[in-house]
Amino acid sequence: MDALSNAGLGARRNEDIALDLLKFVAATAGVGKTAVPSTGFSGASAPKTEEQVAQLLALYSRCLKAVQSKAPEAGAAQ
């Protein structure tokens, strides 16, 4: 019975770690930020909200895969 209740905690913990990693990477790389309007010429137009969401979801899935690949085996002794 304890193994069942602990199984959910491990998966949730991986998701929390992946979310923290996403926040760090997104803040560092500037993913999801809107373009700041400025005077003069501008290069590319600001990415649309849908594109930003798609980028963040793709980044989250990559973060989750990275965390899960580093997680210890469930049956391994600690």
C-alpha atoms as a PDB file:
ATOM      1  CA  MET A   1       0.000   0.000   0.000  1.00  0.00           C
ATOM      2  CA  ASP A   2       2.838   2.404   0.823  1.00  0.00           C
ATOM      3  CA  ALA A   3       4.454   1.698  -2.549  1.00  0.00           C
ATOM      4  CA  LEU A   4       1.309   2.877  -4.322  1.00  0.00           C
ATOM      5  CA  SER A   5       1.094   6.121  -2.387  1.00  0.00           C
ATOM      6  CA  ASN A   6       4.821   6.821  -2.834  1.00  0.00           C
ATOM      7  CA  ALA A   7       4.659   6.188  -6.575  1.00  0.00           C
ATOM      8  CA  GLY A   8       2.529   9.288  -7.078  1.00  0.00           C
ATOM      9  CA  LEU A   9       4.874  11.422  -5.007  1.00  0.00           C
ATOM     10  CA  GLY A  10       7.887  10.505  -7.139  1.00  0.00           C
ATOM     11  CA  ALA A  11       6.123  11.442 -10.371  1.00  0.00           C
ATOM     12  CA  ARG A  12       4.883  14.709  -8.906  1.00  0.00           C
ATOM     13  CA  ARG A  13       8.343  15.529  -7.643  1.00  0.00           C
ATOM     14  CA  ASN A  14       9.786  15.054 -11.143  1.00  0.00           C
ATOM     15  CA  GLU A  15       7.139  17.390 -12.529  1.00  0.00           C
ATOM     16  CA  ASP A  16       7.968  20.028  -9.917  1.00  0.00           C
ATOM     17  CA  ILE A  17      11.675  19.784 -10.689  1.00  0.00           C
ATOM     18  CA  ALA A  18      10.973  20.015 -14.424  1.00  0.00           C
ATOM     19  CA  LEU A  19       8.817  23.093 -13.844  1.00  0.00           C
ATOM     20  CA  ASP A  20      11.594  24.769 -11.840  1.00  0.00           C
ATOM     21  CA  LEU A  21      14.062  23.902 -14.587  1.00  0.00           C
ATOM     22  CA  LEU A  22      11.673  25.361 -17.176  1.00  0.00           C
ATOM     23  CA  LYS A  23      11.410  28.603 -15.211  1.00  0.00           C
ATOM     24  CA  PHE A  24      15.188  28.868 -14.959  1.00  0.00           C
ATOM     25  CA  VAL A  25      15.860  28.132 -18.633  1.00  0.00           C
ATOM     26  CA  ALA A  26      13.030  30.375 -19.849  1.00  0.00           C
ATOM     27  CA  ALA A  27      14.220  33.287 -17.718  1.00  0.00           C
ATOM     28  CA  THR A  28      17.841  32.812 -18.735  1.00  0.00           C
ATOM     29  CA  ALA A  29      17.147  32.413 -22.451  1.00  0.00           C
ATOM     30  CA  GLY A  30      14.303  34.924 -22.595  1.00  0.00           C
ATOM     31  CA  VAL A  31      11.803  32.363 -23.876  1.00  0.00           C
ATOM     32  CA  GLY A  32       8.229  33.570 -23.657  1.00  0.00           C
ATOM     33  CA  LYS A  33       9.052  37.253 -23.212  1.00  0.00           C
ATOM     34  CA  THR A  34       7.236  39.761 -25.326  1.00  0.00           C
ATOM     35  CA  ALA A  35       9.166  42.227 -27.433  1.00  0.00           C
ATOM     36  CA  VAL A  36       9.590  45.648 -25.877  1.00  0.00           C
ATOM     37  CA  PRO A  37       8.340  48.391 -28.177  1.00  0.00           C
ATOM     38  CA  SER A  38      11.049  50.851 -29.111  1.00  0.00           C
ATOM     39  CA  THR A  39      11.453  53.873 -31.292  1.00  0.00           C
ATOM     40  CA  GLY A  40      12.949  53.286 -34.698  1.00  0.00           C
ATOM     41  CA  PHE A  41      13.318  50.210 -36.779  1.00  0.00           C
ATOM     42  CA  SER A  42      12.475  46.836 -35.396  1.00  0.00           C
ATOM     43  CA  GLY A  43      13.772  43.518 -36.613  1.00  0.00           C
ATOM     44  CA  ALA A  44      11.280  40.705 -36.438  1.00  0.00           C
ATOM     45  CA  SER A  45       7.753  41.088 -35.208  1.00  0.00           C
ATOM     46  CA  ALA A  46       6.895  39.850 -31.732  1.00  0.00           C
ATOM     47  CA  PRO A  47       6.043  36.151 -31.544  1.00  0.00           C
ATOM     48  CA  LYS A  48       2.362  35.392 -31.213  1.00  0.00           C
ATOM     49  CA  THR A  49       0.970  34.086 -27.945  1.00  0.00           C
ATOM     50  CA  GLU A  50       0.263  30.672 -29.481  1.00  0.00           C
ATOM     51  CA  GLU A  51       3.875  30.383 -30.611  1.00  0.00           C
ATOM     52  CA  GLN A  52       5.135  31.328 -27.149  1.00  0.00           C
ATOM     53  CA  VAL A  53       2.883  28.745 -25.512  1.00  0.00           C
ATOM     54  CA  ALA A  54       4.036  26.082 -27.965  1.00  0.00           C
ATOM     55  CA  GLN A  55       7.689  26.944 -27.221  1.00  0.00           C
ATOM     56  CA  LEU A  56       7.113  26.754 -23.466  1.00  0.00           C
ATOM     57  CA  LEU A  57       5.271  23.425 -23.711  1.00  0.00           C
ATOM     58  CA  ALA A  58       8.033  21.963 -25.873  1.00  0.00           C
ATOM     59  CA  LEU A  59      10.634  23.231 -23.414  1.00  0.00           C
ATOM     60  CA  TYR A  60       8.707  21.742 -20.475  1.00  0.00           C
ATOM     61  CA  SER A  61       8.542  18.335 -22.151  1.00  0.00           C
ATOM     62  CA  ARG A  62      12.297  18.466 -22.764  1.00  0.00           C
ATOM     63  CA  CYS A  63      12.893  19.436 -19.124  1.00  0.00           C
ATOM     64  CA  LEU A  64      10.655  16.617 -17.887  1.00  0.00           C
ATOM     65  CA  LYS A  65      12.478  14.072 -20.063  1.00  0.00           C
ATOM     66  CA  ALA A  66      15.816  15.316 -18.725  1.00  0.00           C
ATOM     67  CA  VAL A  67      14.652  15.051 -15.119  1.00  0.00           C
ATOM     68  CA  GLN A  68      13.164  11.593 -15.628  1.00  0.00           C
ATOM     69  CA  SER A  69      16.339  10.317 -17.248  1.00  0.00           C
ATOM     70  CA  LYS A  70      18.343  11.490 -14.203  1.00  0.00           C
ATOM     71  CA  ALA A  71      15.878  10.102 -11.628  1.00  0.00           C
ATOM     72  CA  PRO A  72      16.991   7.007  -9.679  1.00  0.00           C
ATOM     73  CA  GLU A  73      15.185   3.747 -10.366  1.00  0.00           C
ATOM     74  CA  ALA A  74      12.044   3.218  -8.270  1.00  0.00           C
ATOM     75  CA  GLY A  75      13.236  -0.160  -6.965  1.00  0.00           C
ATOM     76  CA  ALA A  76      16.811   0.930  -6.241  1.00  0.00           C
ATOM     77  CA  ALA A  77      18.035   1.090  -2.665  1.00  0.00           C
ATOM     78  CA  GLN A  78      18.965   4.540  -1.439  1.00  0.00           C
END
